Amino acid sequence: MVGAGLLPACVWLWAFGNSLASGQPLPATGTRATSTLAMSKVATPPPEATGAARRVLQSLSSTTPADKARRFGLRQGAETATLSLEAPLHVYRVPRDRLRSFRAQDDPSALLIGGGEVLYPLSVGGTVHSSITVTNVKGQWRESAVGMGTLAAKLVDSRTRDAQQSKVAADAYFEVWIPALNVRF
């Protein structure tokens, strides 16, 4: 059974991930945040992460447009010629064991771990259609997922709307993933 504080934790995480009004988003250092007061600005992904995402796109240059379109979940092969990387989102996970032990009085930021995974939305003509996720495995950034176009589009849309209203930079936003509940926001 998940801890009695799960609902307040999820509400806090959702509000924190979508508001960022405090100007103190999560760190991207690979260490977990232990307090909202200890959080610092989300860092730009390392060049190695961006390089890994770019290599995924470049490696497909020898494939046919139709094969590339299928790989990225696009409708038409012609769209693949203009795929570009959008501003990335760091991915923070909430593991099942932390959910189980969480209590309503606990600091919800302690649920989050991350820094070793980055989602790069892919756009065609400014419209997000897909994404590339890269993960740091033993110091090497590698492709871990491709696709998830609907998720990437919704994340970018939410980020864009919120950033316009709150005047927070796009690189301050991140994704929270709760695998045990199959929830991402």
N, C-alpha and C. Protein backbone atom coordinates (compact mmCIF):
# COMPACT_ATOMS: atom_id res chain seq x y z
N MET A 1 0.84 -1.19 0.00
CA MET A 1 0.00 0.00 0.00
C MET A 1 0.89 1.25 0.00
N VAL A 2 0.49 2.22 -0.76
CA VAL A 2 1.22 3.48 -0.83
C VAL A 2 0.91 4.29 0.41
N GLY A 3 1.89 5.07 0.87
CA GLY A 3 1.74 5.86 2.08
C GLY A 3 0.53 6.77 2.07
N ALA A 4 0.03 7.09 3.24
CA ALA A 4 -1.17 7.91 3.38
C ALA A 4 -0.96 9.32 2.83
N GLY A 5 0.27 9.74 2.68
CA GLY A 5 0.55 11.08 2.19
C GLY A 5 0.73 11.16 0.69
N LEU A 6 0.38 10.10 -0.04
CA LEU A 6 0.61 10.10 -1.48
C LEU A 6 -0.13 11.23 -2.19
N LEU A 7 -1.40 11.42 -1.89
CA LEU A 7 -2.15 12.47 -2.57
C LEU A 7 -1.55 13.85 -2.31
N PRO A 8 -1.26 14.22 -1.06
CA PRO A 8 -0.63 15.53 -0.86
C PRO A 8 0.72 15.64 -1.56
N ALA A 9 1.48 14.54 -1.59
CA ALA A 9 2.78 14.57 -2.26
C ALA A 9 2.61 14.80 -3.75
N CYS A 10 1.68 14.09 -4.37
CA CYS A 10 1.46 14.25 -5.81
C CYS A 10 0.94 15.65 -6.13
N VAL A 11 0.05 16.16 -5.30
CA VAL A 11 -0.44 17.52 -5.51
C VAL A 11 0.70 18.52 -5.38
N TRP A 12 1.55 18.35 -4.37
CA TRP A 12 2.69 19.25 -4.20
C TRP A 12 3.62 19.16 -5.40
N LEU A 13 3.94 17.94 -5.85
CA LEU A 13 4.83 17.77 -6.99
C LEU A 13 4.25 18.41 -8.25
N TRP A 14 2.94 18.21 -8.46
CA TRP A 14 2.31 18.79 -9.63
C TRP A 14 2.37 20.32 -9.56
N ALA A 15 2.02 20.88 -8.42
CA ALA A 15 2.04 22.33 -8.26
C ALA A 15 3.45 22.87 -8.41
N PHE A 16 4.42 22.16 -7.83
CA PHE A 16 5.81 22.62 -7.91
C PHE A 16 6.30 22.55 -9.34
N GLY A 17 5.98 21.48 -10.03
CA GLY A 17 6.44 21.30 -11.40
C GLY A 17 5.76 22.25 -12.37
N ASN A 18 4.59 22.72 -12.05
CA ASN A 18 3.86 23.60 -12.96
C ASN A 18 3.87 25.05 -12.54
N SER A 19 4.30 25.36 -11.35
CA SER A 19 4.27 26.74 -10.90
C SER A 19 5.65 27.39 -10.91
N LEU A 20 6.58 26.81 -10.19
CA LEU A 20 7.94 27.34 -10.08
C LEU A 20 7.98 28.81 -9.70
N ALA A 21 6.90 29.29 -9.09
CA ALA A 21 6.84 30.70 -8.73
C ALA A 21 7.90 31.07 -7.71
N SER A 22 8.38 30.09 -6.96
CA SER A 22 9.39 30.39 -5.95
C SER A 22 10.75 30.66 -6.57
N GLY A 23 10.93 30.29 -7.84
CA GLY A 23 12.22 30.49 -8.48
C GLY A 23 13.28 29.52 -8.00
N GLN A 24 12.88 28.44 -7.33
CA GLN A 24 13.83 27.47 -6.80
C GLN A 24 13.53 26.07 -7.33
N PRO A 25 13.71 25.84 -8.66
CA PRO A 25 13.47 24.50 -9.18
C PRO A 25 14.51 23.51 -8.72
N LEU A 26 14.31 22.26 -9.09
CA LEU A 26 15.18 21.17 -8.64
C LEU A 26 16.56 21.21 -9.26
N PRO A 27 17.57 20.72 -8.56
CA PRO A 27 18.90 20.65 -9.13
C PRO A 27 19.00 19.50 -10.12
N ALA A 28 19.93 19.61 -11.05
CA ALA A 28 20.16 18.54 -12.03
C ALA A 28 21.53 17.93 -11.79
N THR A 29 21.82 17.66 -10.55
CA THR A 29 23.16 17.22 -10.19
C THR A 29 23.27 15.73 -9.98
N GLY A 30 22.17 15.00 -10.10
CA GLY A 30 22.20 13.57 -9.85
C GLY A 30 21.97 13.23 -8.39
N THR A 31 21.84 14.23 -7.54
CA THR A 31 21.54 13.99 -6.13
C THR A 31 20.10 14.39 -5.88
N ARG A 32 19.50 13.81 -4.91
CA ARG A 32 18.12 14.15 -4.64
C ARG A 32 18.03 15.41 -3.80
N ALA A 33 16.94 16.11 -3.99
CA ALA A 33 16.70 17.30 -3.19
C ALA A 33 16.15 16.86 -1.85
N THR A 34 16.62 17.47 -0.78
CA THR A 34 16.14 17.07 0.54
C THR A 34 15.24 18.12 1.16
N SER A 35 15.18 19.28 0.57
CA SER A 35 14.34 20.33 1.09
C SER A 35 14.07 21.34 0.00
N THR A 36 12.86 21.91 0.01
CA THR A 36 12.57 22.93 -0.99
C THR A 36 13.50 24.13 -0.81
N LEU A 37 13.97 24.37 0.39
CA LEU A 37 14.87 25.48 0.63
C LEU A 37 16.28 25.21 0.09
N ALA A 38 16.62 23.95 -0.04
CA ALA A 38 17.95 23.59 -0.51
C ALA A 38 18.03 23.47 -2.03
N MET A 39 16.92 23.66 -2.71
CA MET A 39 16.92 23.48 -4.16
C MET A 39 17.56 24.67 -4.86
N SER A 40 18.25 24.37 -5.95
CA SER A 40 18.86 25.42 -6.74
C SER A 40 18.35 25.33 -8.17
N LYS A 41 18.76 26.27 -9.00
CA LYS A 41 18.29 26.35 -10.38
C LYS A 41 18.64 25.09 -11.16
N VAL A 42 17.71 24.61 -11.97
CA VAL A 42 17.96 23.46 -12.83
C VAL A 42 19.04 23.86 -13.82
N ALA A 43 20.08 23.07 -13.89
CA ALA A 43 21.19 23.38 -14.78
C ALA A 43 20.87 22.98 -16.21
N THR A 44 21.52 23.66 -17.14
CA THR A 44 21.44 23.26 -18.53
C THR A 44 22.04 21.87 -18.64
N PRO A 45 21.44 21.00 -19.44
CA PRO A 45 22.02 19.65 -19.57
C PRO A 45 23.46 19.74 -20.05
N PRO A 46 24.29 18.79 -19.64
CA PRO A 46 25.68 18.82 -20.08
C PRO A 46 25.75 18.68 -21.60
N PRO A 47 26.78 19.22 -22.22
CA PRO A 47 26.92 19.11 -23.68
C PRO A 47 26.88 17.67 -24.17
N GLU A 48 27.34 16.74 -23.33
CA GLU A 48 27.33 15.33 -23.72
C GLU A 48 25.91 14.80 -23.91
N ALA A 49 24.97 15.29 -23.10
CA ALA A 49 23.57 14.85 -23.24
C ALA A 49 22.99 15.38 -24.54
N THR A 50 23.22 16.66 -24.80
CA THR A 50 22.73 17.25 -26.04
C THR A 50 23.39 16.58 -27.24
N GLY A 51 24.68 16.29 -27.12
CA GLY A 51 25.39 15.60 -28.20
C GLY A 51 24.80 14.23 -28.48
N ALA A 52 24.42 13.51 -27.44
CA ALA A 52 23.82 12.18 -27.62
C ALA A 52 22.49 12.29 -28.36
N ALA A 53 21.68 13.29 -28.01
CA ALA A 53 20.40 13.48 -28.69
C ALA A 53 20.63 13.84 -30.16
N ARG A 54 21.61 14.68 -30.42
CA ARG A 54 21.91 15.06 -31.81
C ARG A 54 22.42 13.87 -32.62
N ARG A 55 23.19 13.00 -31.97
CA ARG A 55 23.70 11.81 -32.67
C ARG A 55 22.56 10.88 -33.08
N VAL A 56 21.51 10.81 -32.24
CA VAL A 56 20.36 9.98 -32.60
C VAL A 56 19.75 10.50 -33.90
N LEU A 57 19.58 11.81 -34.00
CA LEU A 57 19.03 12.39 -35.22
C LEU A 57 19.96 12.15 -36.41
N GLN A 58 21.26 12.37 -36.21
CA GLN A 58 22.22 12.21 -37.30
C GLN A 58 22.34 10.77 -37.75
N SER A 59 22.23 9.83 -36.83
CA SER A 59 22.37 8.42 -37.19
C SER A 59 21.27 7.96 -38.12
N LEU A 60 20.18 8.68 -38.13
CA LEU A 60 19.07 8.31 -38.98
C LEU A 60 19.12 8.96 -40.35
N SER A 61 20.17 9.73 -40.62
CA SER A 61 20.26 10.41 -41.91
C SER A 61 20.40 9.42 -43.06
N SER A 62 20.90 8.22 -42.78
CA SER A 62 21.07 7.23 -43.84
C SER A 62 19.81 6.38 -44.04
N THR A 63 18.81 6.55 -43.17
CA THR A 63 17.58 5.77 -43.33
C THR A 63 16.61 6.53 -44.23
N THR A 64 15.66 5.82 -44.77
CA THR A 64 14.67 6.46 -45.64
C THR A 64 13.75 7.34 -44.80
N PRO A 65 13.17 8.37 -45.42
CA PRO A 65 12.24 9.23 -44.66
C PRO A 65 11.10 8.45 -44.03
N ALA A 66 10.59 7.42 -44.71
CA ALA A 66 9.48 6.64 -44.15
C ALA A 66 9.91 5.88 -42.90
N ASP A 67 11.12 5.27 -42.93
CA ASP A 67 11.64 4.55 -41.75
C ASP A 67 11.85 5.52 -40.59
N LYS A 68 12.42 6.67 -40.89
CA LYS A 68 12.67 7.68 -39.87
C LYS A 68 11.35 8.18 -39.29
N ALA A 69 10.37 8.38 -40.14
CA ALA A 69 9.06 8.84 -39.67
C ALA A 69 8.45 7.83 -38.71
N ARG A 70 8.52 6.53 -39.05
CA ARG A 70 8.00 5.50 -38.15
C ARG A 70 8.74 5.53 -36.81
N ARG A 71 10.06 5.66 -36.85
CA ARG A 71 10.87 5.65 -35.63
C ARG A 71 10.46 6.77 -34.68
N PHE A 72 10.16 7.94 -35.23
CA PHE A 72 9.83 9.10 -34.40
C PHE A 72 8.34 9.34 -34.27
N GLY A 73 7.52 8.45 -34.78
CA GLY A 73 6.08 8.58 -34.63
C GLY A 73 5.49 9.70 -35.46
N LEU A 74 6.12 10.02 -36.57
CA LEU A 74 5.61 11.09 -37.44
C LEU A 74 4.67 10.51 -38.48
N ARG A 75 3.80 11.35 -39.01
CA ARG A 75 2.84 10.89 -40.00
C ARG A 75 3.43 10.80 -41.40
N GLN A 76 4.34 11.68 -41.73
CA GLN A 76 4.88 11.72 -43.09
C GLN A 76 6.40 11.71 -43.05
N GLY A 77 6.99 10.99 -44.00
CA GLY A 77 8.45 10.94 -44.09
C GLY A 77 9.07 12.29 -44.36
N ALA A 78 8.36 13.15 -45.07
CA ALA A 78 8.91 14.47 -45.41
C ALA A 78 9.16 15.31 -44.16
N GLU A 79 8.41 15.06 -43.09
CA GLU A 79 8.59 15.83 -41.86
C GLU A 79 9.96 15.61 -41.23
N THR A 80 10.57 14.47 -41.49
CA THR A 80 11.82 14.12 -40.82
C THR A 80 12.98 15.02 -41.24
N ALA A 81 12.91 15.63 -42.41
CA ALA A 81 14.00 16.47 -42.90
C ALA A 81 14.17 17.73 -42.06
N THR A 82 13.13 18.15 -41.37
CA THR A 82 13.20 19.40 -40.62
C THR A 82 13.06 19.21 -39.11
N LEU A 83 13.28 17.99 -38.62
CA LEU A 83 13.22 17.75 -37.17
C LEU A 83 14.29 18.58 -36.46
N SER A 84 13.89 19.22 -35.37
CA SER A 84 14.87 19.97 -34.57
C SER A 84 14.61 19.75 -33.09
N LEU A 85 15.69 19.85 -32.31
CA LEU A 85 15.61 19.68 -30.86
C LEU A 85 15.08 20.96 -30.22
N GLU A 86 14.10 20.81 -29.35
CA GLU A 86 13.59 21.94 -28.57
C GLU A 86 14.33 22.00 -27.23
N ALA A 87 14.04 23.02 -26.42
CA ALA A 87 14.65 23.14 -25.09
C ALA A 87 14.33 21.88 -24.29
N PRO A 88 15.35 21.28 -23.67
CA PRO A 88 15.16 20.01 -22.97
C PRO A 88 14.47 20.15 -21.61
N LEU A 89 14.02 19.01 -21.11
CA LEU A 89 13.43 18.91 -19.78
C LEU A 89 14.18 17.81 -19.01
N HIS A 90 14.73 18.16 -17.85
CA HIS A 90 15.30 17.12 -16.99
C HIS A 90 14.16 16.26 -16.48
N VAL A 91 14.43 14.98 -16.28
CA VAL A 91 13.42 14.05 -15.80
C VAL A 91 13.78 13.65 -14.36
N TYR A 92 12.83 13.84 -13.46
CA TYR A 92 12.98 13.43 -12.06
C TYR A 92 11.98 12.33 -11.78
N ARG A 93 12.46 11.23 -11.20
CA ARG A 93 11.61 10.08 -10.88
C ARG A 93 11.20 10.10 -9.42
N VAL A 94 10.05 9.48 -9.18
CA VAL A 94 9.58 9.23 -7.81
C VAL A 94 9.49 7.71 -7.69
N PRO A 95 10.48 7.09 -7.03
CA PRO A 95 10.47 5.62 -6.93
C PRO A 95 9.40 5.10 -5.98
N ARG A 96 8.99 3.88 -6.24
CA ARG A 96 7.93 3.22 -5.47
C ARG A 96 8.26 3.16 -3.98
N ASP A 97 9.51 2.84 -3.63
CA ASP A 97 9.85 2.71 -2.21
C ASP A 97 9.68 4.03 -1.47
N ARG A 98 9.96 5.15 -2.15
CA ARG A 98 9.77 6.45 -1.50
C ARG A 98 8.29 6.78 -1.37
N LEU A 99 7.49 6.37 -2.34
CA LEU A 99 6.05 6.57 -2.22
C LEU A 99 5.48 5.78 -1.05
N ARG A 100 5.93 4.54 -0.92
CA ARG A 100 5.43 3.68 0.18
C ARG A 100 5.73 4.24 1.55
N SER A 101 6.91 4.83 1.70
CA SER A 101 7.31 5.30 3.03
C SER A 101 6.93 6.76 3.28
N PHE A 102 6.38 7.44 2.29
CA PHE A 102 6.07 8.85 2.44
C PHE A 102 4.87 9.07 3.38
N ARG A 103 4.98 10.08 4.23
CA ARG A 103 3.91 10.47 5.14
C ARG A 103 3.57 11.94 4.88
N ALA A 104 2.36 12.32 5.18
CA ALA A 104 1.87 13.67 4.89
C ALA A 104 2.76 14.77 5.46
N GLN A 105 3.41 14.52 6.60
CA GLN A 105 4.25 15.55 7.22
C GLN A 105 5.65 15.62 6.61
N ASP A 106 6.01 14.67 5.73
CA ASP A 106 7.34 14.64 5.12
C ASP A 106 7.48 15.72 4.05
N ASP A 107 8.72 16.07 3.76
CA ASP A 107 9.02 17.04 2.70
C ASP A 107 8.88 16.33 1.35
N PRO A 108 7.93 16.72 0.52
CA PRO A 108 7.70 16.03 -0.76
C PRO A 108 8.89 16.08 -1.71
N SER A 109 9.74 17.08 -1.60
CA SER A 109 10.89 17.15 -2.51
C SER A 109 11.84 15.98 -2.30
N ALA A 110 11.79 15.35 -1.13
CA ALA A 110 12.65 14.20 -0.86
C ALA A 110 12.24 12.98 -1.67
N LEU A 111 11.06 13.01 -2.27
CA LEU A 111 10.61 11.91 -3.12
C LEU A 111 11.38 11.86 -4.44
N LEU A 112 11.88 12.99 -4.87
CA LEU A 112 12.45 13.11 -6.22
C LEU A 112 13.91 12.71 -6.30
N ILE A 113 14.23 11.94 -7.34
CA ILE A 113 15.62 11.66 -7.67
C ILE A 113 15.79 11.93 -9.15
N GLY A 114 16.96 12.29 -9.55
CA GLY A 114 17.15 12.54 -10.97
C GLY A 114 18.43 13.27 -11.30
N GLY A 115 18.45 13.76 -12.50
CA GLY A 115 19.61 14.47 -13.02
C GLY A 115 20.32 13.69 -14.09
N GLY A 116 20.03 12.41 -14.20
CA GLY A 116 20.71 11.58 -15.17
C GLY A 116 19.85 11.22 -16.37
N GLU A 117 18.75 11.95 -16.58
CA GLU A 117 17.89 11.67 -17.72
C GLU A 117 17.34 13.00 -18.23
N VAL A 118 17.35 13.16 -19.56
CA VAL A 118 16.89 14.41 -20.16
C VAL A 118 16.02 14.09 -21.37
N LEU A 119 14.85 14.74 -21.44
CA LEU A 119 13.94 14.58 -22.56
C LEU A 119 14.10 15.78 -23.49
N TYR A 120 14.36 15.51 -24.77
CA TYR A 120 14.48 16.54 -25.79
C TYR A 120 13.26 16.45 -26.71
N PRO A 121 12.33 17.40 -26.61
CA PRO A 121 11.21 17.41 -27.55
C PRO A 121 11.73 17.65 -28.97
N LEU A 122 11.09 17.02 -29.95
CA LEU A 122 11.45 17.20 -31.36
C LEU A 122 10.31 17.92 -32.05
N SER A 123 10.65 18.97 -32.78
CA SER A 123 9.61 19.72 -33.47
C SER A 123 9.85 19.75 -34.96
N VAL A 124 8.77 19.97 -35.67
CA VAL A 124 8.80 20.20 -37.11
C VAL A 124 8.04 21.51 -37.31
N GLY A 125 8.74 22.52 -37.79
CA GLY A 125 8.09 23.81 -38.01
C GLY A 125 7.54 24.42 -36.74
N GLY A 126 8.18 24.17 -35.61
CA GLY A 126 7.74 24.75 -34.34
C GLY A 126 6.68 23.95 -33.60
N THR A 127 6.20 22.87 -34.19
CA THR A 127 5.19 22.02 -33.55
C THR A 127 5.85 20.73 -33.08
N VAL A 128 5.69 20.41 -31.80
CA VAL A 128 6.31 19.21 -31.23
C VAL A 128 5.55 17.97 -31.68
N HIS A 129 6.31 16.99 -32.21
CA HIS A 129 5.73 15.75 -32.70
C HIS A 129 6.28 14.51 -32.02
N SER A 130 7.45 14.62 -31.39
CA SER A 130 8.11 13.44 -30.84
C SER A 130 9.13 13.90 -29.80
N SER A 131 9.95 12.96 -29.34
CA SER A 131 11.02 13.32 -28.40
C SER A 131 12.10 12.26 -28.42
N ILE A 132 13.26 12.66 -27.93
CA ILE A 132 14.37 11.75 -27.68
C ILE A 132 14.71 11.90 -26.21
N THR A 133 14.79 10.79 -25.50
CA THR A 133 15.23 10.82 -24.10
C THR A 133 16.60 10.17 -24.05
N VAL A 134 17.54 10.86 -23.39
CA VAL A 134 18.88 10.31 -23.20
C VAL A 134 19.12 10.14 -21.71
N THR A 135 19.89 9.10 -21.37
CA THR A 135 20.16 8.76 -19.98
C THR A 135 21.65 8.59 -19.78
N ASN A 136 22.13 9.05 -18.63
CA ASN A 136 23.53 8.90 -18.28
C ASN A 136 23.72 7.53 -17.63
N VAL A 137 24.42 6.65 -18.34
CA VAL A 137 24.70 5.30 -17.85
C VAL A 137 26.21 5.17 -17.69
N LYS A 138 26.65 5.11 -16.44
CA LYS A 138 28.07 4.97 -16.13
C LYS A 138 28.92 6.03 -16.82
N GLY A 139 28.43 7.27 -16.79
CA GLY A 139 29.18 8.40 -17.34
C GLY A 139 29.02 8.61 -18.83
N GLN A 140 28.23 7.79 -19.49
CA GLN A 140 28.00 7.91 -20.93
C GLN A 140 26.52 8.23 -21.19
N TRP A 141 26.27 9.29 -21.94
CA TRP A 141 24.90 9.65 -22.29
C TRP A 141 24.48 8.84 -23.51
N ARG A 142 23.34 8.13 -23.37
CA ARG A 142 22.84 7.25 -24.43
C ARG A 142 21.34 7.43 -24.60
N GLU A 143 20.88 7.13 -25.80
CA GLU A 143 19.45 7.13 -26.09
C GLU A 143 18.77 6.08 -25.22
N SER A 144 17.66 6.46 -24.59
CA SER A 144 16.90 5.50 -23.80
C SER A 144 15.46 5.38 -24.26
N ALA A 145 14.98 6.38 -25.00
CA ALA A 145 13.61 6.33 -25.51
C ALA A 145 13.46 7.30 -26.68
N VAL A 146 12.61 6.92 -27.60
CA VAL A 146 12.26 7.77 -28.73
C VAL A 146 10.75 7.69 -28.90
N GLY A 147 10.14 8.80 -29.22
CA GLY A 147 8.70 8.82 -29.42
C GLY A 147 8.02 9.68 -28.38
N MET A 148 6.96 9.19 -27.77
CA MET A 148 6.20 9.90 -26.74
C MET A 148 5.80 11.30 -27.21
N GLY A 149 5.34 11.38 -28.46
CA GLY A 149 5.00 12.67 -29.05
C GLY A 149 3.92 13.42 -28.30
N THR A 150 2.88 12.72 -27.88
CA THR A 150 1.78 13.39 -27.17
C THR A 150 2.27 13.96 -25.84
N LEU A 151 3.04 13.17 -25.10
CA LEU A 151 3.59 13.65 -23.83
C LEU A 151 4.49 14.87 -24.06
N ALA A 152 5.41 14.76 -25.01
CA ALA A 152 6.34 15.86 -25.28
C ALA A 152 5.58 17.12 -25.67
N ALA A 153 4.57 16.99 -26.52
CA ALA A 153 3.80 18.15 -26.96
C ALA A 153 3.07 18.80 -25.78
N LYS A 154 2.49 17.97 -24.90
CA LYS A 154 1.78 18.53 -23.74
C LYS A 154 2.74 19.20 -22.76
N LEU A 155 3.89 18.59 -22.54
CA LEU A 155 4.88 19.19 -21.64
C LEU A 155 5.34 20.54 -22.18
N VAL A 156 5.65 20.60 -23.46
CA VAL A 156 6.12 21.86 -24.07
C VAL A 156 5.01 22.90 -24.06
N ASP A 157 3.78 22.49 -24.35
CA ASP A 157 2.66 23.43 -24.33
C ASP A 157 2.47 24.01 -22.93
N SER A 158 2.50 23.15 -21.91
CA SER A 158 2.35 23.63 -20.52
C SER A 158 3.49 24.55 -20.14
N ARG A 159 4.71 24.15 -20.51
CA ARG A 159 5.88 24.97 -20.19
C ARG A 159 5.77 26.34 -20.86
N THR A 160 5.38 26.36 -22.12
CA THR A 160 5.28 27.62 -22.86
C THR A 160 4.25 28.55 -22.24
N ARG A 161 3.06 28.00 -21.96
CA ARG A 161 2.01 28.83 -21.36
C ARG A 161 2.44 29.36 -19.99
N ASP A 162 2.99 28.49 -19.15
CA ASP A 162 3.39 28.92 -17.81
C ASP A 162 4.54 29.91 -17.86
N ALA A 163 5.50 29.67 -18.74
CA ALA A 163 6.66 30.57 -18.84
C ALA A 163 6.24 31.97 -19.28
N GLN A 164 5.26 32.05 -20.16
CA GLN A 164 4.76 33.35 -20.60
C GLN A 164 4.11 34.11 -19.45
N GLN A 165 3.37 33.39 -18.61
CA GLN A 165 2.67 34.03 -17.50
C GLN A 165 3.61 34.34 -16.34
N SER A 166 4.51 33.43 -16.03
CA SER A 166 5.35 33.58 -14.84
C SER A 166 6.69 34.24 -15.12
N LYS A 167 7.05 34.35 -16.39
CA LYS A 167 8.34 34.93 -16.80
C LYS A 167 9.52 34.09 -16.32
N VAL A 168 9.30 32.77 -16.16
CA VAL A 168 10.36 31.84 -15.78
C VAL A 168 10.96 31.28 -17.07
N ALA A 169 12.27 31.17 -17.12
CA ALA A 169 12.96 30.66 -18.31
C ALA A 169 12.57 29.21 -18.60
N ALA A 170 12.53 28.85 -19.88
CA ALA A 170 12.14 27.50 -20.30
C ALA A 170 13.04 26.43 -19.69
N ASP A 171 14.32 26.73 -19.47
CA ASP A 171 15.23 25.71 -18.93
C ASP A 171 15.03 25.46 -17.45
N ALA A 172 14.12 26.18 -16.80
CA ALA A 172 13.84 25.96 -15.38
C ALA A 172 12.77 24.88 -15.17
N TYR A 173 12.16 24.41 -16.24
CA TYR A 173 11.09 23.42 -16.14
C TYR A 173 11.65 22.02 -16.24
N PHE A 174 10.91 21.06 -15.68
CA PHE A 174 11.36 19.67 -15.67
C PHE A 174 10.14 18.76 -15.70
N GLU A 175 10.40 17.49 -15.91
CA GLU A 175 9.34 16.48 -15.92
C GLU A 175 9.45 15.65 -14.65
N VAL A 176 8.31 15.31 -14.06
CA VAL A 176 8.26 14.39 -12.93
C VAL A 176 7.61 13.11 -13.44
N TRP A 177 8.26 11.98 -13.16
CA TRP A 177 7.78 10.68 -13.61
C TRP A 177 7.59 9.79 -12.40
N ILE A 178 6.37 9.25 -12.23
CA ILE A 178 6.06 8.31 -11.15
C ILE A 178 5.75 6.98 -11.82
N PRO A 179 6.78 6.14 -12.04
CA PRO A 179 6.58 4.87 -12.77
C PRO A 179 5.52 3.97 -12.13
N ALA A 180 5.48 3.90 -10.81
CA ALA A 180 4.53 3.00 -10.13
C ALA A 180 3.08 3.37 -10.45
N LEU A 181 2.82 4.62 -10.76
CA LEU A 181 1.47 5.07 -11.07
C LEU A 181 1.28 5.34 -12.56
N ASN A 182 2.35 5.13 -13.34
CA ASN A 182 2.33 5.41 -14.78
C ASN A 182 1.88 6.85 -15.04
N VAL A 183 2.48 7.79 -14.29
CA VAL A 183 2.11 9.20 -14.39
C VAL A 183 3.36 10.01 -14.70
N ARG A 184 3.21 10.93 -15.65
CA ARG A 184 4.27 11.89 -15.99
C ARG A 184 3.62 13.26 -16.08
N PHE A 185 4.30 14.27 -15.51
CA PHE A 185 3.82 15.64 -15.64
C PHE A 185 5.00 16.59 -15.50
